[in-house]
């Protein structure tokens, strides 16, 4: 729906004369309705790259995404948290082993 440029009355898209002020409407090229382009941080690629760079700190971008349903946001949150644990726990274990070896080298017991 559009409005009349003369009286601001509501108009259907197909009318050529305003039914309220009876003035002929100017002929304009039809306006194509385009969806608003999502912000760069709502792009799926940006969310995936963001997860690998900052991990769970990408969750606010997931929750502010305008096209994701509540269910999808919850599922993505669970997936991100599980993947974070699967990455962090082995990393901590590897650092503990590295630190033990480093400590043994410093103490001369290795």
N, C-alpha and C. Protein backbone atom coordinates (compact mmCIF):
# COMPACT_ATOMS: atom_id res chain seq x y z
N UNK A 1 0.84 -1.18 0.00
CA UNK A 1 0.00 0.00 0.00
C UNK A 1 0.88 1.24 0.00
N UNK A 2 0.37 2.26 -0.65
CA UNK A 2 1.06 3.54 -0.71
C UNK A 2 0.11 4.63 -0.22
N UNK A 3 0.58 5.86 -0.27
CA UNK A 3 -0.28 6.99 0.11
C UNK A 3 -0.30 7.99 -1.03
N UNK A 4 -1.37 8.74 -1.11
CA UNK A 4 -1.53 9.76 -2.13
C UNK A 4 -0.54 10.90 -1.85
N UNK A 5 0.20 11.37 -2.86
CA UNK A 5 1.15 12.46 -2.62
C UNK A 5 0.46 13.80 -2.36
N UNK A 6 -0.85 13.90 -2.66
CA UNK A 6 -1.58 15.16 -2.48
C UNK A 6 -2.32 15.22 -1.15
N UNK A 7 -3.05 14.13 -0.80
CA UNK A 7 -3.87 14.18 0.42
C UNK A 7 -3.43 13.16 1.47
N UNK A 8 -2.39 12.37 1.17
CA UNK A 8 -1.88 11.33 2.08
C UNK A 8 -2.90 10.26 2.41
N UNK A 9 -3.88 10.08 1.57
CA UNK A 9 -4.86 9.01 1.77
C UNK A 9 -4.26 7.66 1.41
N UNK A 10 -4.71 6.60 2.07
CA UNK A 10 -4.16 5.27 1.76
C UNK A 10 -4.65 4.79 0.39
N UNK A 11 -3.72 4.24 -0.39
CA UNK A 11 -4.04 3.79 -1.74
C UNK A 11 -3.56 2.38 -1.96
N UNK A 12 -4.29 1.65 -2.79
CA UNK A 12 -3.81 0.36 -3.26
C UNK A 12 -2.77 0.64 -4.34
N UNK A 13 -1.93 -0.34 -4.60
CA UNK A 13 -0.85 -0.13 -5.55
C UNK A 13 -1.34 0.01 -6.99
N UNK A 14 -2.53 -0.47 -7.31
CA UNK A 14 -2.98 -0.52 -8.70
C UNK A 14 -3.80 0.70 -9.12
N UNK A 15 -4.19 1.59 -8.19
CA UNK A 15 -5.07 2.72 -8.56
C UNK A 15 -4.30 3.79 -9.30
N UNK A 16 -4.97 4.45 -10.23
CA UNK A 16 -4.36 5.53 -11.02
C UNK A 16 -4.88 6.90 -10.61
N UNK A 17 -6.02 6.94 -9.91
CA UNK A 17 -6.60 8.19 -9.43
C UNK A 17 -6.94 8.01 -7.96
N UNK A 18 -6.65 9.02 -7.16
CA UNK A 18 -6.93 8.95 -5.72
C UNK A 18 -8.43 9.00 -5.50
N UNK A 19 -9.01 8.04 -4.79
CA UNK A 19 -10.45 8.06 -4.52
C UNK A 19 -10.85 9.13 -3.50
N UNK A 20 -9.92 9.72 -2.81
CA UNK A 20 -10.23 10.72 -1.80
C UNK A 20 -10.22 12.14 -2.37
N UNK A 21 -9.18 12.47 -3.17
CA UNK A 21 -9.10 13.83 -3.72
C UNK A 21 -9.34 13.86 -5.23
N UNK A 22 -9.55 12.72 -5.86
CA UNK A 22 -9.83 12.57 -7.29
C UNK A 22 -8.74 13.17 -8.18
N UNK A 23 -7.53 13.25 -7.71
CA UNK A 23 -6.43 13.74 -8.54
C UNK A 23 -5.72 12.55 -9.16
N UNK A 24 -5.27 12.71 -10.41
CA UNK A 24 -4.52 11.62 -11.04
C UNK A 24 -3.17 11.46 -10.35
N UNK A 25 -2.81 10.23 -10.17
CA UNK A 25 -1.55 9.95 -9.49
C UNK A 25 -0.41 9.91 -10.51
N UNK A 26 0.75 10.42 -10.14
CA UNK A 26 1.89 10.36 -11.05
C UNK A 26 2.31 8.90 -11.27
N UNK A 27 2.81 8.66 -12.46
CA UNK A 27 3.23 7.31 -12.80
C UNK A 27 4.69 7.15 -12.39
N UNK A 28 4.89 6.22 -11.50
CA UNK A 28 6.23 5.91 -11.04
C UNK A 28 6.56 4.48 -11.43
N UNK A 29 7.82 4.22 -11.56
CA UNK A 29 8.23 2.83 -11.78
C UNK A 29 7.88 2.05 -10.52
N UNK A 30 7.43 0.84 -10.67
CA UNK A 30 7.06 0.07 -9.48
C UNK A 30 8.26 -0.11 -8.56
N UNK A 31 8.01 0.08 -7.31
CA UNK A 31 9.05 -0.05 -6.32
C UNK A 31 9.17 -1.52 -5.95
N UNK A 32 10.35 -2.03 -6.11
CA UNK A 32 10.56 -3.42 -5.74
C UNK A 32 10.88 -3.47 -4.26
N UNK A 33 10.14 -4.33 -3.59
CA UNK A 33 10.38 -4.48 -2.17
C UNK A 33 11.58 -5.39 -1.98
N UNK A 34 12.57 -4.85 -1.32
CA UNK A 34 13.77 -5.64 -1.06
C UNK A 34 13.88 -5.86 0.43
N UNK A 35 14.37 -7.02 0.78
CA UNK A 35 14.60 -7.30 2.19
C UNK A 35 15.80 -6.51 2.65
N UNK A 36 15.72 -6.07 3.87
CA UNK A 36 16.82 -5.35 4.44
C UNK A 36 18.00 -6.31 4.58
N UNK A 37 19.15 -5.89 4.08
CA UNK A 37 20.33 -6.73 4.14
C UNK A 37 20.79 -6.85 5.60
N UNK A 38 21.03 -8.08 6.06
CA UNK A 38 21.45 -8.21 7.45
C UNK A 38 22.83 -7.59 7.67
N UNK A 39 23.07 -7.19 8.90
CA UNK A 39 24.36 -6.60 9.24
C UNK A 39 25.45 -7.64 9.07
N UNK A 40 26.67 -7.19 8.91
CA UNK A 40 27.78 -8.10 8.62
C UNK A 40 27.95 -9.15 9.70
N UNK A 41 27.67 -8.81 10.95
CA UNK A 41 27.88 -9.78 12.01
C UNK A 41 26.72 -10.75 12.14
N UNK A 42 25.65 -10.56 11.35
CA UNK A 42 24.56 -11.54 11.31
C UNK A 42 24.71 -12.49 10.13
N UNK A 43 25.74 -12.30 9.34
CA UNK A 43 26.02 -13.19 8.24
C UNK A 43 26.50 -14.53 8.82
N UNK A 44 26.01 -15.65 8.28
CA UNK A 44 26.37 -16.96 8.81
C UNK A 44 27.88 -17.18 8.76
N UNK A 45 28.51 -16.75 7.69
CA UNK A 45 29.96 -16.91 7.57
C UNK A 45 30.68 -16.15 8.68
N UNK A 46 30.22 -14.95 8.97
CA UNK A 46 30.83 -14.15 10.04
C UNK A 46 30.64 -14.82 11.40
N UNK A 47 29.48 -15.44 11.61
CA UNK A 47 29.24 -16.12 12.88
C UNK A 47 30.16 -17.34 13.03
N UNK A 48 30.37 -18.09 11.96
CA UNK A 48 31.24 -19.26 12.03
C UNK A 48 32.69 -18.83 12.26
N UNK A 49 33.15 -17.85 11.49
CA UNK A 49 34.51 -17.36 11.68
C UNK A 49 34.66 -16.75 13.07
N UNK A 50 33.65 -16.02 13.50
CA UNK A 50 33.68 -15.43 14.84
C UNK A 50 33.79 -16.48 15.93
N UNK A 51 33.11 -17.62 15.74
CA UNK A 51 33.21 -18.69 16.73
C UNK A 51 34.63 -19.20 16.83
N UNK A 52 35.30 -19.40 15.68
CA UNK A 52 36.66 -19.94 15.72
C UNK A 52 37.67 -18.90 16.21
N UNK A 53 37.33 -17.63 16.14
CA UNK A 53 38.25 -16.59 16.60
C UNK A 53 38.00 -16.26 18.08
N UNK A 54 36.77 -16.05 18.47
CA UNK A 54 36.48 -15.61 19.84
C UNK A 54 35.63 -16.60 20.63
N UNK A 55 35.29 -17.72 20.03
CA UNK A 55 34.56 -18.76 20.74
C UNK A 55 33.17 -18.33 21.16
N UNK A 56 32.82 -18.58 22.41
CA UNK A 56 31.45 -18.31 22.85
C UNK A 56 31.11 -16.82 22.94
N UNK A 57 32.09 -15.96 22.72
CA UNK A 57 31.80 -14.52 22.73
C UNK A 57 30.99 -14.10 21.51
N UNK A 58 30.74 -15.04 20.59
CA UNK A 58 29.92 -14.76 19.42
C UNK A 58 28.42 -14.95 19.74
N UNK A 59 28.11 -15.45 20.92
CA UNK A 59 26.71 -15.71 21.28
C UNK A 59 25.81 -14.47 21.24
N UNK A 60 26.26 -13.28 21.65
CA UNK A 60 25.38 -12.12 21.51
C UNK A 60 24.96 -11.85 20.06
N UNK A 61 25.86 -12.10 19.12
CA UNK A 61 25.50 -11.91 17.71
C UNK A 61 24.47 -12.95 17.28
N UNK A 62 24.57 -14.16 17.81
CA UNK A 62 23.57 -15.19 17.50
C UNK A 62 22.21 -14.78 18.04
N UNK A 63 22.19 -14.31 19.28
CA UNK A 63 20.91 -13.98 19.92
C UNK A 63 20.30 -12.69 19.38
N UNK A 64 21.09 -11.83 18.76
CA UNK A 64 20.51 -10.61 18.18
C UNK A 64 20.17 -10.79 16.70
N UNK A 65 20.41 -11.97 16.16
CA UNK A 65 20.13 -12.23 14.74
C UNK A 65 18.62 -12.13 14.50
N UNK A 66 18.19 -11.28 13.56
CA UNK A 66 16.75 -11.04 13.37
C UNK A 66 16.01 -12.19 12.70
N UNK A 67 16.69 -13.07 11.98
CA UNK A 67 16.00 -14.11 11.23
C UNK A 67 16.02 -15.47 11.92
N UNK A 68 16.75 -15.62 13.01
CA UNK A 68 16.80 -16.89 13.71
C UNK A 68 15.62 -16.99 14.68
N UNK A 69 14.99 -18.15 14.70
CA UNK A 69 13.90 -18.38 15.65
C UNK A 69 14.48 -18.64 17.04
N UNK A 70 13.64 -18.60 18.04
CA UNK A 70 14.06 -18.85 19.42
C UNK A 70 14.67 -20.25 19.53
N UNK A 71 14.04 -21.20 18.89
CA UNK A 71 14.52 -22.59 18.94
C UNK A 71 15.91 -22.70 18.31
N UNK A 72 16.11 -22.06 17.17
CA UNK A 72 17.41 -22.11 16.50
C UNK A 72 18.49 -21.44 17.35
N UNK A 73 18.15 -20.36 18.02
CA UNK A 73 19.11 -19.68 18.88
C UNK A 73 19.53 -20.57 20.04
N UNK A 74 18.56 -21.28 20.62
CA UNK A 74 18.88 -22.18 21.73
C UNK A 74 19.76 -23.33 21.26
N UNK A 75 19.42 -23.91 20.11
CA UNK A 75 20.22 -25.02 19.57
C UNK A 75 21.63 -24.55 19.26
N UNK A 76 21.77 -23.38 18.62
CA UNK A 76 23.11 -22.86 18.31
C UNK A 76 23.91 -22.56 19.58
N UNK A 77 23.24 -22.08 20.61
CA UNK A 77 23.92 -21.81 21.87
C UNK A 77 24.47 -23.11 22.46
N UNK A 78 23.65 -24.15 22.47
CA UNK A 78 24.10 -25.44 23.01
C UNK A 78 25.26 -25.98 22.18
N UNK A 79 25.15 -25.91 20.86
CA UNK A 79 26.22 -26.41 19.99
C UNK A 79 27.52 -25.63 20.22
N UNK A 80 27.42 -24.32 20.32
CA UNK A 80 28.62 -23.50 20.54
C UNK A 80 29.26 -23.81 21.89
N UNK A 81 28.44 -23.98 22.93
CA UNK A 81 29.00 -24.28 24.24
C UNK A 81 29.64 -25.67 24.28
N UNK A 82 29.02 -26.66 23.64
CA UNK A 82 29.59 -28.00 23.61
C UNK A 82 30.90 -28.00 22.82
N UNK A 83 30.92 -27.35 21.67
CA UNK A 83 32.16 -27.28 20.88
C UNK A 83 33.26 -26.55 21.65
N UNK A 84 32.88 -25.52 22.39
CA UNK A 84 33.86 -24.80 23.19
C UNK A 84 34.47 -25.73 24.24
N UNK A 85 33.62 -26.52 24.91
CA UNK A 85 34.15 -27.47 25.90
C UNK A 85 35.03 -28.52 25.25
N UNK A 86 34.64 -28.98 24.06
CA UNK A 86 35.44 -29.99 23.37
C UNK A 86 36.80 -29.44 22.92
N UNK A 87 36.89 -28.15 22.79
CA UNK A 87 38.17 -27.53 22.41
C UNK A 87 38.97 -27.13 23.64
N UNK A 88 38.32 -26.59 24.65
CA UNK A 88 39.02 -26.04 25.81
C UNK A 88 39.57 -27.13 26.72
N UNK A 89 38.79 -28.17 26.99
CA UNK A 89 39.23 -29.21 27.93
C UNK A 89 40.51 -29.91 27.45
N UNK A 90 40.60 -30.37 26.19
CA UNK A 90 41.87 -30.98 25.75
C UNK A 90 43.03 -29.97 25.73
N UNK A 91 42.72 -28.72 25.44
CA UNK A 91 43.77 -27.70 25.42
C UNK A 91 44.35 -27.51 26.83
N UNK A 92 43.48 -27.47 27.83
CA UNK A 92 43.96 -27.34 29.21
C UNK A 92 44.79 -28.56 29.60
N UNK A 93 44.34 -29.76 29.20
CA UNK A 93 45.10 -30.98 29.49
C UNK A 93 46.47 -30.95 28.84
N UNK A 94 46.54 -30.47 27.60
CA UNK A 94 47.83 -30.39 26.91
C UNK A 94 48.75 -29.39 27.61
N UNK A 95 48.21 -28.26 28.05
CA UNK A 95 49.04 -27.29 28.76
C UNK A 95 49.53 -27.84 30.08
N UNK A 96 48.70 -28.64 30.77
CA UNK A 96 49.13 -29.23 32.03
C UNK A 96 50.28 -30.21 31.80
N UNK A 97 50.19 -31.02 30.74
CA UNK A 97 51.28 -31.95 30.43
C UNK A 97 52.55 -31.18 30.05
N UNK A 98 52.37 -30.12 29.24
CA UNK A 98 53.52 -29.30 28.85
C UNK A 98 54.17 -28.68 30.08
N UNK A 99 53.35 -28.17 30.98
CA UNK A 99 53.87 -27.52 32.18
C UNK A 99 54.61 -28.53 33.06
N UNK A 100 54.09 -29.77 33.15
CA UNK A 100 54.75 -30.81 33.94
C UNK A 100 56.12 -31.13 33.34
N UNK A 101 56.19 -31.27 32.02
CA UNK A 101 57.47 -31.54 31.36
C UNK A 101 58.43 -30.37 31.58
N UNK A 102 57.93 -29.16 31.44
CA UNK A 102 58.75 -27.96 31.63
C UNK A 102 59.28 -27.90 33.06
N UNK A 103 58.42 -28.22 34.02
CA UNK A 103 58.81 -28.21 35.43
C UNK A 103 59.86 -29.30 35.69
N UNK A 104 59.67 -30.47 35.08
CA UNK A 104 60.66 -31.54 35.24
C UNK A 104 62.01 -31.15 34.65
N UNK A 105 62.00 -30.46 33.53
CA UNK A 105 63.26 -30.00 32.92
C UNK A 105 63.96 -29.00 33.84
N UNK A 106 63.19 -28.08 34.41
CA UNK A 106 63.80 -27.09 35.31
C UNK A 106 64.35 -27.73 36.57
N UNK A 107 63.70 -28.78 37.06
CA UNK A 107 64.15 -29.44 38.29
C UNK A 107 65.23 -30.50 38.01
N UNK A 108 65.48 -30.79 36.72
CA UNK A 108 66.50 -31.76 36.37
C UNK A 108 66.06 -33.19 36.49
N UNK A 109 64.76 -33.45 36.56
CA UNK A 109 64.27 -34.81 36.71
C UNK A 109 63.78 -35.41 35.41
N UNK A 110 63.96 -34.72 34.32
CA UNK A 110 63.46 -35.22 33.04
C UNK A 110 64.53 -35.94 32.30
